[in-house]
């Protein structure tokens, strides 16, 4: 399996600098994980579902 290239938004923050999620993109999938627990559970969403989540979260 190819290693995923994880990144986090420049808007991420928090007092400890680690309070955020990281994403990695592959064809047809957006992978999401907690930056504080990189070996923990991950979500895998379609790009369409990720776009819908971002649209929802941006108005909250």
PDB file of N, CA and C in Angstrom:
ATOM      1  N   UNK A   1       0.843  -1.186   0.000  1.00  0.00           N
ATOM      2  CA  UNK A   1       0.000   0.000   0.000  1.00  0.00           C
ATOM      3  C   UNK A   1       0.887   1.248   0.000  1.00  0.00           C
ATOM      4  N   UNK A   2       0.536   2.224  -0.811  1.00  0.00           N
ATOM      5  CA  UNK A   2       1.276   3.474  -0.894  1.00  0.00           C
ATOM      6  C   UNK A   2       0.993   4.325   0.338  1.00  0.00           C
ATOM      7  N   UNK A   3       2.044   4.949   0.860  1.00  0.00           N
ATOM      8  CA  UNK A   3       1.892   5.846   2.009  1.00  0.00           C
ATOM      9  C   UNK A   3       1.083   7.066   1.589  1.00  0.00           C
ATOM     10  N   UNK A   4       0.143   7.464   2.428  1.00  0.00           N
ATOM     11  CA  UNK A   4      -0.669   8.638   2.138  1.00  0.00           C
ATOM     12  C   UNK A   4       0.104   9.907   2.485  1.00  0.00           C
ATOM     13  N   UNK A   5      -0.104  10.952   1.724  1.00  0.00           N
ATOM     14  CA  UNK A   5       0.511  12.257   1.993  1.00  0.00           C
ATOM     15  C   UNK A   5      -0.497  13.104   2.769  1.00  0.00           C
ATOM     16  N   UNK A   6      -0.317  13.193   4.074  1.00  0.00           N
ATOM     17  CA  UNK A   6      -1.244  13.893   4.960  1.00  0.00           C
ATOM     18  C   UNK A   6      -0.893  15.369   5.053  1.00  0.00           C
ATOM     19  N   UNK A   7      -1.931  16.211   5.158  1.00  0.00           N
ATOM     20  CA  UNK A   7      -1.690  17.629   5.408  1.00  0.00           C
ATOM     21  C   UNK A   7      -2.847  18.198   6.207  1.00  0.00           C
ATOM     22  N   UNK A   8      -2.586  19.333   6.855  1.00  0.00           N
ATOM     23  CA  UNK A   8      -3.639  20.017   7.592  1.00  0.00           C
ATOM     24  C   UNK A   8      -3.731  21.459   7.123  1.00  0.00           C
ATOM     25  N   UNK A   9      -4.862  22.045   7.339  1.00  0.00           N
ATOM     26  CA  UNK A   9      -5.124  23.401   6.888  1.00  0.00           C
ATOM     27  C   UNK A   9      -4.263  24.411   7.633  1.00  0.00           C
ATOM     28  N   UNK A  10      -3.910  25.463   6.941  1.00  0.00           N
ATOM     29  CA  UNK A  10      -3.194  26.559   7.604  1.00  0.00           C
ATOM     30  C   UNK A  10      -4.109  27.292   8.578  1.00  0.00           C
ATOM     31  N   UNK A  11      -5.420  27.049   8.507  1.00  0.00           N
ATOM     32  CA  UNK A  11      -6.372  27.628   9.447  1.00  0.00           C
ATOM     33  C   UNK A  11      -6.463  26.826  10.737  1.00  0.00           C
ATOM     34  N   UNK A  12      -5.844  25.653  10.777  1.00  0.00           N
ATOM     35  CA  UNK A  12      -5.888  24.815  11.974  1.00  0.00           C
ATOM     36  C   UNK A  12      -5.128  25.497  13.092  1.00  0.00           C
ATOM     37  N   UNK A  13      -5.558  25.208  14.291  1.00  0.00           N
ATOM     38  CA  UNK A  13      -4.886  25.844  15.419  1.00  0.00           C
ATOM     39  C   UNK A  13      -5.243  25.170  16.712  1.00  0.00           C
ATOM     40  N   UNK A  14      -5.400  25.974  17.717  1.00  0.00           N
ATOM     41  CA  UNK A  14      -5.629  25.472  19.056  1.00  0.00           C
ATOM     42  C   UNK A  14      -4.455  25.883  19.917  1.00  0.00           C
ATOM     43  N   UNK A  15      -4.634  25.785  21.190  1.00  0.00           N
ATOM     44  CA  UNK A  15      -3.580  26.197  22.109  1.00  0.00           C
ATOM     45  C   UNK A  15      -2.322  25.368  21.969  1.00  0.00           C
ATOM     46  N   UNK A  16      -2.476  24.097  21.644  1.00  0.00           N
ATOM     47  CA  UNK A  16      -1.310  23.220  21.537  1.00  0.00           C
ATOM     48  C   UNK A  16      -0.786  23.113  20.104  1.00  0.00           C
ATOM     49  N   UNK A  17      -1.473  23.737  19.160  1.00  0.00           N
ATOM     50  CA  UNK A  17      -1.045  23.690  17.769  1.00  0.00           C
ATOM     51  C   UNK A  17      -1.320  22.371  17.076  1.00  0.00           C
ATOM     52  N   UNK A  18      -1.929  21.434  17.772  1.00  0.00           N
ATOM     53  CA  UNK A  18      -2.184  20.108  17.208  1.00  0.00           C
ATOM     54  C   UNK A  18      -3.666  19.760  17.162  1.00  0.00           C
ATOM     55  N   UNK A  19      -4.534  20.699  17.482  1.00  0.00           N
ATOM     56  CA  UNK A  19      -5.968  20.431  17.549  1.00  0.00           C
ATOM     57  C   UNK A  19      -6.612  20.571  16.179  1.00  0.00           C
ATOM     58  N   UNK A  20      -6.458  19.564  15.372  1.00  0.00           N
ATOM     59  CA  UNK A  20      -7.036  19.641  14.041  1.00  0.00           C
ATOM     60  C   UNK A  20      -7.131  18.255  13.419  1.00  0.00           C
ATOM     61  N   UNK A  21      -7.722  18.240  12.257  1.00  0.00           N
ATOM     62  CA  UNK A  21      -7.749  17.015  11.474  1.00  0.00           C
ATOM     63  C   UNK A  21      -6.766  17.160  10.326  1.00  0.00           C
ATOM     64  N   UNK A  22      -6.342  16.044   9.804  1.00  0.00           N
ATOM     65  CA  UNK A  22      -5.475  16.013   8.633  1.00  0.00           C
ATOM     66  C   UNK A  22      -6.208  15.250   7.544  1.00  0.00           C
ATOM     67  N   UNK A  23      -5.956  15.611   6.303  1.00  0.00           N
ATOM     68  CA  UNK A  23      -6.556  14.876   5.194  1.00  0.00           C
ATOM     69  C   UNK A  23      -5.477  14.419   4.228  1.00  0.00           C
ATOM     70  N   UNK A  24      -5.808  13.366   3.516  1.00  0.00           N
ATOM     71  CA  UNK A  24      -4.967  12.859   2.431  1.00  0.00           C
ATOM     72  C   UNK A  24      -5.915  12.483   1.297  1.00  0.00           C
ATOM     73  N   UNK A  25      -5.543  12.828   0.085  1.00  0.00           N
ATOM     74  CA  UNK A  25      -6.394  12.537  -1.073  1.00  0.00           C
ATOM     75  C   UNK A  25      -5.793  11.427  -1.915  1.00  0.00           C
ATOM     76  N   UNK A  26      -6.664  10.553  -2.347  1.00  0.00           N
ATOM     77  CA  UNK A  26      -6.329   9.546  -3.341  1.00  0.00           C
ATOM     78  C   UNK A  26      -7.441   9.608  -4.385  1.00  0.00           C
ATOM     79  N   UNK A  27      -7.249   9.019  -5.536  1.00  0.00           N
ATOM     80  CA  UNK A  27      -8.316   9.065  -6.537  1.00  0.00           C
ATOM     81  C   UNK A  27      -9.627   8.493  -5.972  1.00  0.00           C
ATOM     82  N   UNK A  28     -10.643   9.325  -5.908  1.00  0.00           N
ATOM     83  CA  UNK A  28     -11.953   8.881  -5.466  1.00  0.00           C
ATOM     84  C   UNK A  28     -12.180   8.851  -3.970  1.00  0.00           C
ATOM     85  N   UNK A  29     -11.168   9.212  -3.152  1.00  0.00           N
ATOM     86  CA  UNK A  29     -11.327   9.138  -1.698  1.00  0.00           C
ATOM     87  C   UNK A  29     -10.591  10.281  -1.012  1.00  0.00           C
ATOM     88  N   UNK A  30     -11.236  10.843   0.020  1.00  0.00           N
ATOM     89  CA  UNK A  30     -10.582  11.790   0.920  1.00  0.00           C
ATOM     90  C   UNK A  30     -10.486  11.087   2.268  1.00  0.00           C
ATOM     91  N   UNK A  31      -9.268  10.883   2.746  1.00  0.00           N
ATOM     92  CA  UNK A  31      -9.009  10.217   4.021  1.00  0.00           C
ATOM     93  C   UNK A  31      -8.858  11.291   5.087  1.00  0.00           C
ATOM     94  N   UNK A  32      -9.433  11.056   6.271  1.00  0.00           N
ATOM     95  CA  UNK A  32      -9.426  12.041   7.350  1.00  0.00           C
ATOM     96  C   UNK A  32      -8.982  11.354   8.629  1.00  0.00           C
ATOM     97  N   UNK A  33      -8.091  12.031   9.396  1.00  0.00           N
ATOM     98  CA  UNK A  33      -7.646  11.485  10.679  1.00  0.00           C
ATOM     99  C   UNK A  33      -7.422  12.620  11.670  1.00  0.00           C
ATOM    100  N   UNK A  34      -7.346  12.258  12.937  1.00  0.00           N
ATOM    101  CA  UNK A  34      -7.061  13.190  14.027  1.00  0.00           C
ATOM    102  C   UNK A  34      -5.557  13.407  14.099  1.00  0.00           C
ATOM    103  N   UNK A  35      -5.123  14.651  14.093  1.00  0.00           N
ATOM    104  CA  UNK A  35      -3.683  14.934  14.118  1.00  0.00           C
ATOM    105  C   UNK A  35      -3.026  14.517  15.428  1.00  0.00           C
ATOM    106  N   UNK A  36      -3.811  14.383  16.495  1.00  0.00           N
ATOM    107  CA  UNK A  36      -3.247  13.961  17.782  1.00  0.00           C
ATOM    108  C   UNK A  36      -3.147  12.445  17.908  1.00  0.00           C
ATOM    109  N   UNK A  37      -3.815  11.724  17.028  1.00  0.00           N
ATOM    110  CA  UNK A  37      -3.839  10.259  17.093  1.00  0.00           C
ATOM    111  C   UNK A  37      -3.704   9.721  15.665  1.00  0.00           C
ATOM    112  N   UNK A  38      -2.535   9.881  15.093  1.00  0.00           N
ATOM    113  CA  UNK A  38      -2.341   9.557  13.680  1.00  0.00           C
ATOM    114  C   UNK A  38      -2.472   8.074  13.366  1.00  0.00           C
ATOM    115  N   UNK A  39      -2.363   7.226  14.360  1.00  0.00           N
ATOM    116  CA  UNK A  39      -2.527   5.786  14.144  1.00  0.00           C
ATOM    117  C   UNK A  39      -3.936   5.316  14.491  1.00  0.00           C
ATOM    118  N   UNK A  40      -4.787   6.238  14.925  1.00  0.00           N
ATOM    119  CA  UNK A  40      -6.144   5.896  15.335  1.00  0.00           C
ATOM    120  C   UNK A  40      -7.086   5.731  14.158  1.00  0.00           C
ATOM    121  N   UNK A  41      -8.379   5.715  14.454  1.00  0.00           N
ATOM    122  CA  UNK A  41      -9.390   5.524  13.411  1.00  0.00           C
ATOM    123  C   UNK A  41      -9.328   6.627  12.355  1.00  0.00           C
ATOM    124  N   UNK A  42      -9.734   6.273  11.165  1.00  0.00           N
ATOM    125  CA  UNK A  42      -9.762   7.210  10.042  1.00  0.00           C
ATOM    126  C   UNK A  42     -11.110   7.125   9.350  1.00  0.00           C
ATOM    127  N   UNK A  43     -11.481   8.208   8.734  1.00  0.00           N
ATOM    128  CA  UNK A  43     -12.675   8.235   7.896  1.00  0.00           C
ATOM    129  C   UNK A  43     -12.240   8.234   6.440  1.00  0.00           C
ATOM    130  N   UNK A  44     -13.049   7.651   5.598  1.00  0.00           N
ATOM    131  CA  UNK A  44     -12.807   7.677   4.156  1.00  0.00           C
ATOM    132  C   UNK A  44     -14.103   8.145   3.496  1.00  0.00           C
ATOM    133  N   UNK A  45     -14.043   9.299   2.854  1.00  0.00           N
ATOM    134  CA  UNK A  45     -15.215   9.889   2.220  1.00  0.00           C
ATOM    135  C   UNK A  45     -14.987  10.053   0.724  1.00  0.00           C
ATOM    136  N   UNK A  46     -16.079  10.097  -0.007  1.00  0.00           N
ATOM    137  CA  UNK A  46     -15.968  10.460  -1.416  1.00  0.00           C
ATOM    138  C   UNK A  46     -15.654  11.956  -1.484  1.00  0.00           C
ATOM    139  N   UNK A  47     -15.046  12.413  -2.555  1.00  0.00           N
ATOM    140  CA  UNK A  47     -14.810  13.855  -2.685  1.00  0.00           C
ATOM    141  C   UNK A  47     -16.106  14.668  -2.602  1.00  0.00           C
ATOM    142  N   UNK A  48     -17.193  14.113  -3.106  1.00  0.00           N
ATOM    143  CA  UNK A  48     -18.480  14.807  -3.043  1.00  0.00           C
ATOM    144  C   UNK A  48     -18.965  14.956  -1.602  1.00  0.00           C
ATOM    145  N   UNK A  49     -18.846  13.894  -0.813  1.00  0.00           N
ATOM    146  CA  UNK A  49     -19.252  13.959   0.594  1.00  0.00           C
ATOM    147  C   UNK A  49     -18.368  14.937   1.361  1.00  0.00           C
ATOM    148  N   UNK A  50     -17.069  14.953   1.076  1.00  0.00           N
ATOM    149  CA  UNK A  50     -16.145  15.888   1.726  1.00  0.00           C
ATOM    150  C   UNK A  50     -16.533  17.331   1.382  1.00  0.00           C
ATOM    151  N   UNK A  51     -16.856  17.596   0.121  1.00  0.00           N
ATOM    152  CA  UNK A  51     -17.262  18.940  -0.297  1.00  0.00           C
ATOM    153  C   UNK A  51     -18.545  19.365   0.411  1.00  0.00           C
ATOM    154  N   UNK A  52     -19.487  18.441   0.564  1.00  0.00           N
ATOM    155  CA  UNK A  52     -20.727  18.749   1.275  1.00  0.00           C
ATOM    156  C   UNK A  52     -20.448  19.051   2.739  1.00  0.00           C
ATOM    157  N   UNK A  53     -19.572  18.284   3.368  1.00  0.00           N
ATOM    158  CA  UNK A  53     -19.205  18.542   4.760  1.00  0.00           C
ATOM    159  C   UNK A  53     -18.567  19.925   4.898  1.00  0.00           C
ATOM    160  N   UNK A  54     -17.633  20.262   4.014  1.00  0.00           N
ATOM    161  CA  UNK A  54     -16.970  21.570   4.090  1.00  0.00           C
ATOM    162  C   UNK A  54     -17.970  22.710   3.927  1.00  0.00           C
ATOM    163  N   UNK A  55     -18.904  22.560   3.008  1.00  0.00           N
ATOM    164  CA  UNK A  55     -19.928  23.586   2.814  1.00  0.00           C
ATOM    165  C   UNK A  55     -20.768  23.743   4.075  1.00  0.00           C
ATOM    166  N   UNK A  56     -21.132  22.641   4.696  1.00  0.00           N
ATOM    167  CA  UNK A  56     -21.915  22.671   5.932  1.00  0.00           C
ATOM    168  C   UNK A  56     -21.117  23.306   7.067  1.00  0.00           C
ATOM    169  N   UNK A  57     -19.877  22.874   7.247  1.00  0.00           N
ATOM    170  CA  UNK A  57     -19.054  23.351   8.362  1.00  0.00           C
ATOM    171  C   UNK A  57     -18.682  24.825   8.211  1.00  0.00           C
ATOM    172  N   UNK A  58     -18.570  25.304   6.997  1.00  0.00           N
ATOM    173  CA  UNK A  58     -18.136  26.687   6.792  1.00  0.00           C
ATOM    174  C   UNK A  58     -19.176  27.712   7.233  1.00  0.00           C
ATOM    175  N   UNK A  59     -20.417  27.301   7.389  1.00  0.00           N
ATOM    176  CA  UNK A  59     -21.458  28.231   7.846  1.00  0.00           C
ATOM    177  C   UNK A  59     -21.810  28.022   9.312  1.00  0.00           C
ATOM    178  N   UNK A  60     -21.090  27.175  10.004  1.00  0.00           N
ATOM    179  CA  UNK A  60     -21.344  26.908  11.426  1.00  0.00           C
ATOM    180  C   UNK A  60     -20.419  27.681  12.288  1.00  0.00           C
TER     181      UNK A  60
END
